C-alpha atoms as a PDB file:
ATOM      1  CA  MET A   1      58.164  72.724 -81.939  1.00  0.00           C
ATOM      2  CA  ASP A   2      55.488  72.994 -84.635  1.00  0.00           C
ATOM      3  CA  ASN A   3      52.630  70.557 -85.235  1.00  0.00           C
ATOM      4  CA  ALA A   4      54.354  68.760 -88.107  1.00  0.00           C
ATOM      5  CA  GLU A   5      57.461  68.080 -86.049  1.00  0.00           C
ATOM      6  CA  THR A   6      55.400  66.878 -83.086  1.00  0.00           C
ATOM      7  CA  ILE A   7      53.490  64.411 -85.261  1.00  0.00           C
ATOM      8  CA  THR A   8      56.691  63.203 -86.964  1.00  0.00           C
ATOM      9  CA  ASN A   9      58.404  62.594 -83.624  1.00  0.00           C
ATOM     10  CA  ALA A  10      55.422  60.535 -82.444  1.00  0.00           C
ATOM     11  CA  ILE A  11      55.622  58.390 -85.593  1.00  0.00           C
ATOM     12  CA  LYS A  12      59.365  57.823 -85.166  1.00  0.00           C
ATOM     13  CA  SER A  13      58.929  56.872 -81.521  1.00  0.00           C
ATOM     14  CA  SER A  14      56.115  54.464 -82.379  1.00  0.00           C
ATOM     15  CA  LEU A  15      58.183  52.676 -85.007  1.00  0.00           C
ATOM     16  CA  ALA A  16      61.203  52.615 -82.690  1.00  0.00           C
ATOM     17  CA  ILE A  17      59.541  50.310 -80.200  1.00  0.00           C
ATOM     18  CA  ILE A  18      58.964  47.684 -82.916  1.00  0.00           C
ATOM     19  CA  ASP A  19      61.930  45.344 -82.507  1.00  0.00           C
ATOM     20  CA  GLN A  20      62.116  43.584 -85.842  1.00  0.00           C
ATOM     21  CA  ASP A  21      62.964  45.364 -89.086  1.00  0.00           C
ATOM     22  CA  ARG A  22      60.485  43.202 -90.973  1.00  0.00           C
ATOM     23  CA  GLU A  23      57.643  44.246 -88.677  1.00  0.00           C
ATOM     24  CA  ARG A  24      58.551  47.925 -89.011  1.00  0.00           C
ATOM     25  CA  GLU A  25      58.582  47.439 -92.773  1.00  0.00           C
ATOM     26  CA  ILE A  26      55.117  45.906 -92.700  1.00  0.00           C
ATOM     27  CA  ILE A  27      53.595  48.748 -90.682  1.00  0.00           C
ATOM     28  CA  SER A  28      55.339  51.445 -92.704  1.00  0.00           C
ATOM     29  CA  ARG A  29      54.190  49.976 -96.005  1.00  0.00           C
ATOM     30  CA  ARG A  30      50.643  49.129 -94.876  1.00  0.00           C
ATOM     31  CA  PHE A  31      49.970  52.675 -93.657  1.00  0.00           C
ATOM     32  CA  GLY A  32      52.029  54.372 -96.362  1.00  0.00           C
ATOM     33  CA  LEU A  33      54.267  56.138 -93.857  1.00  0.00           C
ATOM     34  CA  ASP A  34      56.832  56.585 -96.606  1.00  0.00           C
ATOM     35  CA  GLY A  35      54.213  58.008 -98.969  1.00  0.00           C
ATOM     36  CA  HIS A  36      53.134  54.830-100.729  1.00  0.00           C
ATOM     37  CA  ARG A  37      50.564  52.495 -99.177  1.00  0.00           C
ATOM     38  CA  GLU A  38      50.825  48.827-100.192  1.00  0.00           C
ATOM     39  CA  THR A  39      48.447  45.872-100.137  1.00  0.00           C
ATOM     40  CA  LEU A  40      48.870  42.662 -98.156  1.00  0.00           C
ATOM     41  CA  GLU A  41      49.720  40.867-101.411  1.00  0.00           C
ATOM     42  CA  GLN A  42      52.419  43.366-102.377  1.00  0.00           C
ATOM     43  CA  ILE A  43      54.086  43.185 -98.967  1.00  0.00           C
ATOM     44  CA  GLY A  44      53.829  39.419 -98.869  1.00  0.00           C
ATOM     45  CA  GLU A  45      55.483  39.130-102.248  1.00  0.00           C
ATOM     46  CA  MET A  46      58.316  41.418-101.168  1.00  0.00           C
ATOM     47  CA  LEU A  47      58.913  39.492 -97.922  1.00  0.00           C
ATOM     48  CA  SER A  48      58.256  36.061 -99.474  1.00  0.00           C
ATOM     49  CA  ILE A  49      55.399  35.286 -97.080  1.00  0.00           C
ATOM     50  CA  THR A  50      51.681  34.758 -97.612  1.00  0.00           C
ATOM     51  CA  ARG A  51      49.054  37.481 -97.618  1.00  0.00           C
ATOM     52  CA  GLU A  52      47.471  35.894 -94.538  1.00  0.00           C
ATOM     53  CA  ARG A  53      50.777  35.919 -92.685  1.00  0.00           C
ATOM     54  CA  VAL A  54      51.200  39.632 -93.396  1.00  0.00           C
ATOM     55  CA  ARG A  55      47.688  40.256 -92.047  1.00  0.00           C
ATOM     56  CA  GLN A  56      48.444  38.275 -88.883  1.00  0.00           C
ATOM     57  CA  LEU A  57      51.698  40.129 -88.281  1.00  0.00           C
ATOM     58  CA  GLU A  58      50.068  43.512 -88.856  1.00  0.00           C
ATOM     59  CA  LYS A  59      47.296  42.727 -86.392  1.00  0.00           C
ATOM     60  CA  ALA A  60      49.758  41.528 -83.747  1.00  0.00           C
ATOM     61  CA  ILE A  61      52.015  44.563 -84.147  1.00  0.00           C
ATOM     62  CA  LEU A  62      49.107  46.994 -83.859  1.00  0.00           C
ATOM     63  CA  ILE A  63      47.875  45.282 -80.693  1.00  0.00           C
ATOM     64  CA  ARG A  64      51.317  45.705 -79.124  1.00  0.00           C
ATOM     65  CA  LEU A  65      51.455  49.342 -80.192  1.00  0.00           C
ATOM     66  CA  ARG A  66      48.003  50.089 -78.754  1.00  0.00           C
ATOM     67  CA  ILE A  67      48.995  48.537 -75.425  1.00  0.00           C
ATOM     68  CA  ALA A  68      52.239  50.537 -75.403  1.00  0.00           C
ATOM     69  CA  ALA A  69      50.332  53.716 -76.221  1.00  0.00           C
ATOM     70  CA  GLU A  70      47.812  53.128 -73.446  1.00  0.00           C
ATOM     71  CA  ASP A  71      50.645  52.468 -70.987  1.00  0.00           C
ATOM     72  CA  ASN A  72      52.380  55.714 -72.042  1.00  0.00           C
ATOM     73  CA  LYS A  73      55.425  53.823 -73.313  1.00  0.00           C
ATOM     74  CA  ILE A  74      55.675  55.634 -76.647  1.00  0.00           C
ATOM     75  CA  ASP A  75      57.775  58.785 -76.403  1.00  0.00           C
ATOM     76  CA  HIS A  76      56.329  61.955 -77.990  1.00  0.00           C
ATOM     77  CA  LEU A  77      52.900  60.368 -78.467  1.00  0.00           C
ATOM     78  CA  ALA A  78      51.185  62.327 -75.684  1.00  0.00           C
ATOM     79  CA  PRO A  79      52.053  65.783 -77.168  1.00  0.00           C
ATOM     80  CA  ALA A  80      50.822  64.598 -80.582  1.00  0.00           C
ATOM     81  CA  GLU A  81      47.563  63.317 -79.089  1.00  0.00           C
ATOM     82  CA  LYS A  82      47.079  66.624 -77.274  1.00  0.00           C
ATOM     83  CA  ILE A  83      47.477  68.625 -80.488  1.00  0.00           C
ATOM     84  CA  ILE A  84      45.127  66.368 -82.434  1.00  0.00           C
ATOM     85  CA  ILE A  85      42.453  66.355 -79.715  1.00  0.00           C
ATOM     86  CA  ARG A  86      42.628  70.143 -79.311  1.00  0.00           C
ATOM     87  CA  ASN A  87      42.049  70.640 -83.027  1.00  0.00           C
ATOM     88  CA  LEU A  88      39.319  68.004 -83.193  1.00  0.00           C
ATOM     89  CA  THR A  89      37.554  69.756 -80.304  1.00  0.00           C
ATOM     90  CA  GLU A  90      37.544  72.967 -82.343  1.00  0.00           C
ATOM     91  CA  MET A  91      36.284  71.091 -85.415  1.00  0.00           C
ATOM     92  CA  GLY A  92      33.349  69.383 -83.661  1.00  0.00           C
ATOM     93  CA  ARG A  93      35.047  66.288 -82.148  1.00  0.00           C
ATOM     94  CA  VAL A  94      35.366  64.356 -85.410  1.00  0.00           C
ATOM     95  CA  ALA A  95      36.773  65.318 -88.812  1.00  0.00           C
ATOM     96  CA  ARG A  96      37.891  63.964 -92.120  1.00  0.00           C
ATOM     97  CA  ILE A  97      41.596  63.199 -91.904  1.00  0.00           C
ATOM     98  CA  SER A  98      42.277  65.443 -94.905  1.00  0.00           C
ATOM     99  CA  GLU A  99      40.540  68.401 -93.233  1.00  0.00           C
ATOM    100  CA  LEU A 100      42.206  67.753 -89.874  1.00  0.00           C
ATOM    101  CA  ALA A 101      45.591  67.588 -91.601  1.00  0.00           C
ATOM    102  CA  LYS A 102      44.973  70.887 -93.388  1.00  0.00           C
ATOM    103  CA  LYS A 103      44.125  72.541 -90.065  1.00  0.00           C
ATOM    104  CA  LEU A 104      47.146  71.027 -88.333  1.00  0.00           C
ATOM    105  CA  PHE A 105      49.724  71.747 -91.029  1.00  0.00           C
ATOM    106  CA  GLY A 106      48.281  74.851 -92.687  1.00  0.00           C
ATOM    107  CA  HIS A 107      48.231  73.425 -96.214  1.00  0.00           C
ATOM    108  CA  LYS A 108      46.691  70.664 -98.311  1.00  0.00           C
ATOM    109  CA  ALA A 109      48.099  67.544 -96.720  1.00  0.00           C
ATOM    110  CA  THR A 110      50.594  65.262 -98.423  1.00  0.00           C
ATOM    111  CA  ALA A 111      50.115  61.498 -98.599  1.00  0.00           C
ATOM    112  CA  VAL A 112      52.674  61.046 -95.815  1.00  0.00           C
ATOM    113  CA  GLU A 113      50.902  63.543 -93.521  1.00  0.00           C
ATOM    114  CA  ILE A 114      47.574  61.772 -94.103  1.00  0.00           C
ATOM    115  CA  ALA A 115      49.228  58.395 -93.422  1.00  0.00           C
ATOM    116  CA  ASN A 116      50.851  59.666 -90.208  1.00  0.00           C
ATOM    117  CA  LEU A 117      47.516  60.830 -88.799  1.00  0.00           C
ATOM    118  CA  SER A 118      45.799  57.583 -89.818  1.00  0.00           C
ATOM    119  CA  PHE A 119      48.489  55.597 -88.046  1.00  0.00           C
ATOM    120  CA  LEU A 120      48.225  57.630 -84.844  1.00  0.00           C
ATOM    121  CA  GLY A 121      44.444  57.331 -84.987  1.00  0.00           C
ATOM    122  CA  GLU A 122      44.862  53.561 -85.193  1.00  0.00           C
ATOM    123  CA  ILE A 123      47.169  53.109 -82.191  1.00  0.00           C
ATOM    124  CA  SER A 124      46.047  55.863 -79.802  1.00  0.00           C
ATOM    125  CA  SER A 125      43.516  54.918 -77.139  1.00  0.00           C
ATOM    126  CA  LEU A 126      42.386  58.558 -77.051  1.00  0.00           C
ATOM    127  CA  LEU A 127      41.441  58.630 -80.736  1.00  0.00           C
ATOM    128  CA  THR A 128      38.992  56.777 -82.975  1.00  0.00           C
ATOM    129  CA  LEU A 129      39.882  55.978 -86.561  1.00  0.00           C
ATOM    130  CA  VAL A 130      36.992  55.748 -89.040  1.00  0.00           C
ATOM    131  CA  SER A 131      38.070  53.802 -92.110  1.00  0.00           C
ATOM    132  CA  GLU A 132      37.011  55.046 -95.534  1.00  0.00           C
ATOM    133  CA  ASN A 133      34.294  53.154 -97.399  1.00  0.00           C
ATOM    134  CA  ASP A 134      31.544  53.901 -99.940  1.00  0.00           C
ATOM    135  CA  LYS A 135      29.573  55.909 -97.383  1.00  0.00           C
ATOM    136  CA  CYS A 136      32.262  57.675 -95.354  1.00  0.00           C
ATOM    137  CA  TYR A 137      35.539  59.513 -95.755  1.00  0.00           C
ATOM    138  CA  ALA A 138      38.508  58.437 -93.658  1.00  0.00           C
ATOM    139  CA  ALA A 139      38.156  60.322 -90.384  1.00  0.00           C
ATOM    140  CA  ILE A 140      39.463  60.670 -86.843  1.00  0.00           C
ATOM    141  CA  GLY A 141      37.364  61.353 -83.776  1.00  0.00           C
ATOM    142  CA  ILE A 142      37.957  61.843 -80.078  1.00  0.00           C
ATOM    143  CA  ALA A 143      37.534  58.426 -78.448  1.00  0.00           C
ATOM    144  CA  GLU A 144      35.318  59.853 -75.680  1.00  0.00           C
ATOM    145  CA  TYR A 145      32.890  60.861 -78.433  1.00  0.00           C
ATOM    146  CA  GLY A 146      32.472  57.237 -79.482  1.00  0.00           C
ATOM    147  CA  ASP A 147      34.080  54.309 -81.247  1.00  0.00           C
ATOM    148  CA  GLU A 148      33.972  53.747 -85.002  1.00  0.00           C
ATOM    149  CA  LYS A 149      30.604  51.981 -84.870  1.00  0.00           C
ATOM    150  CA  THR A 150      29.081  54.830 -82.846  1.00  0.00           C
ATOM    151  CA  ILE A 151      30.322  57.473 -85.271  1.00  0.00           C
ATOM    152  CA  ARG A 152      29.001  55.526 -88.266  1.00  0.00           C
ATOM    153  CA  THR A 153      25.633  55.211 -86.509  1.00  0.00           C
ATOM    154  CA  LYS A 154      25.549  58.973 -85.961  1.00  0.00           C
ATOM    155  CA  ILE A 155      26.311  59.519 -89.654  1.00  0.00           C
ATOM    156  CA  ASP A 156      23.520  57.150 -90.711  1.00  0.00           C
ATOM    157  CA  GLU A 157      21.109  58.940 -88.371  1.00  0.00           C
ATOM    158  CA  ILE A 158      21.788  62.337 -89.963  1.00  0.00           C
ATOM    159  CA  VAL A 159      21.598  60.899 -93.485  1.00  0.00           C
ATOM    160  CA  GLY A 160      18.227  59.386 -92.559  1.00  0.00           C
ATOM    161  CA  ILE A 161      16.904  62.758 -91.364  1.00  0.00           C
ATOM    162  CA  VAL A 162      17.984  64.461 -94.588  1.00  0.00           C
ATOM    163  CA  LYS A 163      16.422  61.718 -96.711  1.00  0.00           C
ATOM    164  CA  ALA A 164      13.156  62.009 -94.787  1.00  0.00           C
ATOM    165  CA  ALA A 165      13.102  65.772 -95.319  1.00  0.00           C
ATOM    166  CA  LYS A 166      13.243  65.209 -99.116  1.00  0.00           C
ATOM    167  CA  ALA A 167      14.698  68.712 -99.520  1.00  0.00           C
ATOM    168  CA  PRO A 168      17.741  70.647 -98.240  1.00  0.00           C
ATOM    169  CA  ILE A 169      17.569  71.211 -94.492  1.00  0.00           C
ATOM    170  CA  SER A 170      19.408  73.477 -92.049  1.00  0.00           C
ATOM    171  CA  LEU A 171      21.571  72.322 -89.157  1.00  0.00           C
ATOM    172  CA  ASP A 172      19.073  73.858 -86.734  1.00  0.00           C
ATOM    173  CA  ALA A 173      16.279  71.777 -88.283  1.00  0.00           C
ATOM    174  CA  ILE A 174      18.407  68.633 -87.919  1.00  0.00           C
ATOM    175  CA  ASP A 175      19.328  69.659 -84.369  1.00  0.00           C
ATOM    176  CA  ALA A 176      15.635  69.700 -83.447  1.00  0.00           C
ATOM    177  CA  GLN A 177      15.476  65.975 -84.201  1.00  0.00           C
ATOM    178  CA  VAL A 178      18.659  64.755 -82.491  1.00  0.00           C
ATOM    179  CA  ASN A 179      20.339  65.066 -79.118  1.00  0.00           C
ATOM    180  CA  TYR A 180      23.622  66.942 -79.707  1.00  0.00           C
ATOM    181  CA  GLU A 181      25.258  69.579 -77.541  1.00  0.00           C
ATOM    182  CA  HIS A 182      25.647  71.971 -80.478  1.00  0.00           C
ATOM    183  CA  PRO A 183      24.783  72.099 -84.219  1.00  0.00           C
ATOM    184  CA  ALA A 184      28.555  72.320 -84.888  1.00  0.00           C
ATOM    185  CA  HIS A 185      28.832  68.713 -83.725  1.00  0.00           C
ATOM    186  CA  ILE A 186      26.133  67.709 -86.212  1.00  0.00           C
ATOM    187  CA  GLU A 187      28.021  69.456 -88.995  1.00  0.00           C
ATOM    188  CA  ALA A 188      31.250  67.679 -88.039  1.00  0.00           C
ATOM    189  CA  VAL A 189      29.582  64.276 -88.326  1.00  0.00           C
ATOM    190  CA  ALA A 190      27.781  65.213 -91.545  1.00  0.00           C
ATOM    191  CA  ARG A 191      31.039  66.279 -93.190  1.00  0.00           C
ATOM    192  CA  VAL A 192      32.407  62.760 -92.769  1.00  0.00           C
ATOM    193  CA  SER A 193      29.567  61.337 -94.873  1.00  0.00           C
ATOM    194  CA  LYS A 194      30.035  60.886 -98.621  1.00  0.00           C
ATOM    195  CA  GLN A 195      26.250  60.802 -98.974  1.00  0.00           C
ATOM    196  CA  LEU A 196      25.755  64.395 -97.824  1.00  0.00           C
ATOM    197  CA  SER A 197      26.688  67.785 -99.215  1.00  0.00           C
ATOM    198  CA  THR A 198      26.095  71.379 -98.157  1.00  0.00           C
ATOM    199  CA  LEU A 199      25.579  74.714 -99.862  1.00  0.00           C
ATOM    200  CA  ASN A 200      24.452  78.068 -98.456  1.00  0.00           C
ATOM    201  CA  HIS A 201      24.077  76.562 -94.956  1.00  0.00           C
ATOM    202  CA  GLN A 202      21.661  73.896 -96.201  1.00  0.00           C
ATOM    203  CA  TRP A 203      22.362  70.161 -96.077  1.00  0.00           C
ATOM    204  CA  GLY A 204      21.110  67.586 -98.548  1.00  0.00           C
ATOM    205  CA  LEU A 205      22.021  64.385-100.307  1.00  0.00           C
ATOM    206  CA  ALA A 206      25.155  64.653-102.438  1.00  0.00           C
ATOM    207  CA  LYS A 207      23.122  63.637-105.497  1.00  0.00           C
ATOM    208  CA  TRP A 208      20.844  66.668-105.128  1.00  0.00           C
ATOM    209  CA  PRO A 209      21.931  69.514-107.458  1.00  0.00           C
ATOM    210  CA  THR A 210      20.499  72.068-105.019  1.00  0.00           C
ATOM    211  CA  VAL A 211      23.364  71.390-102.596  1.00  0.00           C
ATOM    212  CA  ASN A 212      25.899  69.806-104.930  1.00  0.00           C
ATOM    213  CA  PRO A 213      25.508  71.290-108.418  1.00  0.00           C
ATOM    214  CA  LYS A 214      27.817  69.502-110.818  1.00  0.00           C
ATOM    215  CA  ASN A 215      27.160  71.359-114.095  1.00  0.00           C
ATOM    216  CA  ILE A 216      26.482  74.918-115.205  1.00  0.00           C
ATOM    217  CA  ARG A 217      22.736  74.408-115.534  1.00  0.00           C
ATOM    218  CA  ASP A 218      22.416  73.186-111.959  1.00  0.00           C
ATOM    219  CA  LYS A 219      24.468  76.144-110.727  1.00  0.00           C
ATOM    220  CA  ILE A 220      22.212  78.550-112.626  1.00  0.00           C
ATOM    221  CA  TYR A 221      19.185  76.921-111.014  1.00  0.00           C
ATOM    222  CA  VAL A 222      20.680  77.244-107.519  1.00  0.00           C
ATOM    223  CA  ILE A 223      21.506  80.929-108.095  1.00  0.00           C
ATOM    224  CA  LEU A 224      17.991  81.765-109.332  1.00  0.00           C
ATOM    225  CA  GLU A 225      16.365  79.745-106.560  1.00  0.00           C
ATOM    226  CA  GLU A 226      18.450  81.583-103.968  1.00  0.00           C
ATOM    227  CA  HIS A 227      17.820  84.992-105.581  1.00  0.00           C
ATOM    228  CA  LYS A 228      14.076  84.269-105.763  1.00  0.00           C
ATOM    229  CA  GLU A 229      13.461  86.680-108.633  1.00  0.00           C
ATOM    230  CA  PRO A 230      14.370  86.973-112.339  1.00  0.00           C
ATOM    231  CA  MET A 231      17.963  87.849-113.249  1.00  0.00           C
ATOM    232  CA  HIS A 232      19.876  88.942-116.337  1.00  0.00           C
ATOM    233  CA  PHE A 233      22.218  86.248-117.623  1.00  0.00           C
ATOM    234  CA  SER A 234      25.277  88.457-117.009  1.00  0.00           C
ATOM    235  CA  ASP A 235      24.241  88.892-113.359  1.00  0.00           C
ATOM    236  CA  ILE A 236      23.823  85.121-113.054  1.00  0.00           C
ATOM    237  CA  ALA A 237      27.399  84.689-114.311  1.00  0.00           C
ATOM    238  CA  LYS A 238      28.672  87.173-111.718  1.00  0.00           C
ATOM    239  CA  ALA A 239      26.720  85.443-108.948  1.00  0.00           C
ATOM    240  CA  ILE A 240      28.253  82.079-109.856  1.00  0.00           C
ATOM    241  CA  SER A 241      31.754  83.589-109.849  1.00  0.00           C
ATOM    242  CA  ASN A 242      31.125  84.991-106.355  1.00  0.00           C
ATOM    243  CA  SER A 243      29.522  81.791-105.016  1.00  0.00           C
ATOM    244  CA  ASP A 244      30.793  78.948-102.830  1.00  0.00           C
ATOM    245  CA  PHE A 245      30.643  76.465-105.712  1.00  0.00           C
ATOM    246  CA  ARG A 246      33.711  74.257-106.080  1.00  0.00           C
ATOM    247  CA  ARG A 247      34.081  75.184-109.739  1.00  0.00           C
ATOM    248  CA  LYS A 248      32.882  78.672-110.533  1.00  0.00           C
ATOM    249  CA  ASN A 249      34.923  79.860-113.490  1.00  0.00           C
ATOM    250  CA  VAL A 250      32.265  80.389-116.140  1.00  0.00           C
ATOM    251  CA  THR A 251      31.849  82.717-119.098  1.00  0.00           C
ATOM    252  CA  VAL A 252      28.801  84.891-119.721  1.00  0.00           C
ATOM    253  CA  GLN A 253      28.317  83.219-123.095  1.00  0.00           C
ATOM    254  CA  ALA A 254      28.352  79.747-121.529  1.00  0.00           C
ATOM    255  CA  ILE A 255      25.674  80.843-119.066  1.00  0.00           C
ATOM    256  CA  HIS A 256      23.520  82.245-121.867  1.00  0.00           C
ATOM    257  CA  ASN A 257      23.861  79.063-123.907  1.00  0.00           C
ATOM    258  CA  GLU A 258      22.757  76.869-120.996  1.00  0.00           C
ATOM    259  CA  LEU A 259      19.808  79.110-120.189  1.00  0.00           C
ATOM    260  CA  ILE A 260      18.531  78.699-123.733  1.00  0.00           C
ATOM    261  CA  LYS A 261      18.840  74.902-123.663  1.00  0.00           C
ATOM    262  CA  ASP A 262      17.120  74.131-120.348  1.00  0.00           C
ATOM    263  CA  ASN A 263      13.316  74.185-120.087  1.00  0.00           C
ATOM    264  CA  ARG A 264      13.518  75.117-116.404  1.00  0.00           C
ATOM    265  CA  PHE A 265      14.569  78.638-117.415  1.00  0.00           C
ATOM    266  CA  VAL A 266      12.085  81.036-119.016  1.00  0.00           C
ATOM    267  CA  LEU A 267      13.117  84.148-120.950  1.00  0.00           C
ATOM    268  CA  ILE A 268      10.854  86.929-119.686  1.00  0.00           C
ATOM    269  CA  GLY A 269      12.703  89.983-120.972  1.00  0.00           C
ATOM    270  CA  ARG A 270      15.799  91.011-122.889  1.00  0.00           C
ATOM    271  CA  GLY A 271      18.393  88.661-121.402  1.00  0.00           C
ATOM    272  CA  ILE A 272      16.288  88.215-118.235  1.00  0.00           C
ATOM    273  CA  TYR A 273      15.408  84.700-117.057  1.00  0.00           C
ATOM    274  CA  ALA A 274      13.096  83.201-114.444  1.00  0.00           C
ATOM    275  CA  LEU A 275      12.300  79.681-113.252  1.00  0.00           C
ATOM    276  CA  ASP A 276       9.289  77.880-114.675  1.00  0.00           C
ATOM    277  CA  SER A 277       8.498  76.696-111.132  1.00  0.00           C
ATOM    278  CA  TRP A 278       7.633  80.308-110.304  1.00  0.00           C
ATOM    279  CA  GLY A 279       4.671  80.093-112.678  1.00  0.00           C
ATOM    280  CA  PHE A 280       6.319  81.612-115.746  1.00  0.00           C
ATOM    281  CA  GLU A 281       5.606  80.037-119.138  1.00  0.00           C
ATOM    282  CA  LYS A 282       7.696  80.105-122.285  1.00  0.00           C
ATOM    283  CA  GLY A 283       6.522  82.254-125.168  1.00  0.00           C
ATOM    284  CA  THR A 284       6.743  85.640-126.837  1.00  0.00           C
ATOM    285  CA  VAL A 285       4.903  88.727-125.675  1.00  0.00           C
ATOM    286  CA  SER A 286       2.261  87.953-128.332  1.00  0.00           C
ATOM    287  CA  ASP A 287       1.873  84.464-126.893  1.00  0.00           C
ATOM    288  CA  ILE A 288       1.290  85.923-123.434  1.00  0.00           C
ATOM    289  CA  ILE A 289      -1.302  88.404-124.741  1.00  0.00           C
ATOM    290  CA  GLN A 290      -3.123  85.580-126.525  1.00  0.00           C
ATOM    291  CA  LYS A 291      -3.207  83.535-123.342  1.00  0.00           C
ATOM    292  CA  ILE A 292      -4.571  86.479-121.348  1.00  0.00           C
ATOM    293  CA  LEU A 293      -7.269  87.329-123.905  1.00  0.00           C
ATOM    294  CA  LYS A 294      -8.285  83.697-124.320  1.00  0.00           C
ATOM    295  CA  LYS A 295      -8.901  83.527-120.598  1.00  0.00           C
ATOM    296  CA  ALA A 296     -10.856  86.803-120.726  1.00  0.00           C
ATOM    297  CA  GLY A 297     -13.281  85.426-123.345  1.00  0.00           C
ATOM    298  CA  SER A 298     -15.292  87.300-125.952  1.00  0.00           C
ATOM    299  CA  ASP A 299     -15.581  90.466-123.872  1.00  0.00           C
ATOM    300  CA  GLY A 300     -11.842  91.025-124.113  1.00  0.00           C
ATOM    301  CA  LEU A 301      -9.871  93.360-121.882  1.00  0.00           C
ATOM    302  CA  SER A 302      -8.896  96.980-121.771  1.00  0.00           C
ATOM    303  CA  ARG A 303      -5.490  97.962-123.074  1.00  0.00           C
ATOM    304  CA  LYS A 304      -4.512  99.035-119.568  1.00  0.00           C
ATOM    305  CA  GLU A 305      -5.469  95.669-118.076  1.00  0.00           C
ATOM    306  CA  ILE A 306      -3.654  93.750-120.825  1.00  0.00           C
ATOM    307  CA  VAL A 307      -0.471  95.727-120.212  1.00  0.00           C
ATOM    308  CA  LYS A 308      -0.800  95.204-116.471  1.00  0.00           C
ATOM    309  CA  GLN A 309      -1.154  91.425-116.800  1.00  0.00           C
ATOM    310  CA  VAL A 310       1.621  91.041-119.372  1.00  0.00           C
ATOM    311  CA  LEU A 311       4.072  92.986-117.194  1.00  0.00           C
ATOM    312  CA  LYS A 312       3.446  90.472-114.406  1.00  0.00           C
ATOM    313  CA  GLU A 313       4.891  87.777-116.651  1.00  0.00           C
ATOM    314  CA  ARG A 314       7.398  89.663-118.768  1.00  0.00           C
ATOM    315  CA  LYS A 315      10.119  92.212-117.994  1.00  0.00           C
ATOM    316  CA  VAL A 316       9.458  94.400-121.049  1.00  0.00           C
ATOM    317  CA  LYS A 317       8.518  97.998-121.709  1.00  0.00           C
ATOM    318  CA  GLU A 318       4.857  99.014-121.984  1.00  0.00           C
ATOM    319  CA  THR A 319       5.463 100.118-125.575  1.00  0.00           C
ATOM    320  CA  THR A 320       6.525  96.549-126.461  1.00  0.00           C
ATOM    321  CA  VAL A 321       3.120  95.265-125.321  1.00  0.00           C
ATOM    322  CA  LEU A 322       1.292  98.003-127.256  1.00  0.00           C
ATOM    323  CA  LEU A 323       3.268  97.268-130.424  1.00  0.00           C
ATOM    324  CA  ASN A 324       2.312  93.579-130.215  1.00  0.00           C
ATOM    325  CA  LEU A 325      -1.349  94.520-129.829  1.00  0.00           C
ATOM    326  CA  GLN A 326      -1.216  96.106-133.307  1.00  0.00           C
ATOM    327  CA  ASN A 327      -1.034  92.654-134.892  1.00  0.00           C
ATOM    328  CA  LYS A 328      -4.509  92.517-136.447  1.00  0.00           C
ATOM    329  CA  LYS A 329      -4.107  88.854-137.411  1.00  0.00           C
ATOM    330  CA  LEU A 330      -4.078  88.017-133.744  1.00  0.00           C
ATOM    331  CA  PHE A 331      -5.901  90.834-131.931  1.00  0.00           C
ATOM    332  CA  THR A 332      -9.000  92.848-132.747  1.00  0.00           C
ATOM    333  CA  ARG A 333      -9.649  96.253-131.280  1.00  0.00           C
ATOM    334  CA  VAL A 334     -13.137  96.573-129.769  1.00  0.00           C
ATOM    335  CA  GLY A 335     -14.276 100.062-129.012  1.00  0.00           C
ATOM    336  CA  LYS A 336     -11.859 102.758-127.904  1.00  0.00           C
ATOM    337  CA  ASP A 337      -9.308 100.768-125.911  1.00  0.00           C
ATOM    338  CA  HIS A 338     -10.544  97.172-125.637  1.00  0.00           C
ATOM    339  CA  TYR A 339      -9.064  94.141-127.394  1.00  0.00           C
ATOM    340  CA  ARG A 340     -10.063  90.541-127.964  1.00  0.00           C
ATOM    341  CA  LEU A 341      -8.670  87.642-129.953  1.00  0.00           C
ATOM    342  CA  THR A 342      -9.248  87.840-133.678  1.00  0.00           C
ATOM    343  CA  ALA A 343     -11.846  85.266-134.648  1.00  0.00           C
END
């Protein structure tokens, strides 16, 4: 029997112990066990009862199901719980329902598969269901690991550590500040949070482009920051295509266009870009020579020293620097091989 069949049998057995058809209908529709989840109002309208009455019936039915589950009176539930707990143990004791379902069934889960797991998480005394809200994804945990409030507290704790760091942080760095058995357990909790995101083994707030780049410019920045040295725009495009970004289908031309538009990126050679945070400034080779000679003062600098300093800031050939030095409107030759700014 495969995982899908085991879960399905547990759902059928759970519904079978509900005596009244109307009550089965309520549970099925509230959890979306048929693929379409309905509100209290929708169910009430269909059954010609009030929204409050539907809520009361749902609560009562779930209490009876939880008692039956704890007393081992639901056939096929135990094998389903065993499968879920085994997989959750491998995933760090808690997981988003969508990710747990993918692991269990081997594919992106359908609405019914998600609903089935949510329902079992609700009635099983061995599992904890974490309801989705603005801060968290819907998740299931092993009950021994904590109830819903405990799991939410753990999530808030990790979010607080990341916020305090004010920059992406590794799991090991987080682990040094909390009491977990293994960093994998920290990652499991962090993945339930909608406020956190991860990239290249670093965790940060989901709004930070360094861990959750949403546009091409942010992805370029992440690639350069990771590479830590200037890159040609075609190499940046290749790096994005080979990255872990969610969307990484980009054209070389699109990359080049974004590099030109964003002031964070500095052209330092033919098609070669660096980050301004590395100390590079925008400008032509002539602009760089002027800056260097202005700093040198009236004494100027030797041709060799000028070339040396320009090549620290620009990926160009030595002959390119020498050709720019021939501009007499900007540079005056002093002696055999010295230059200063033209007065």
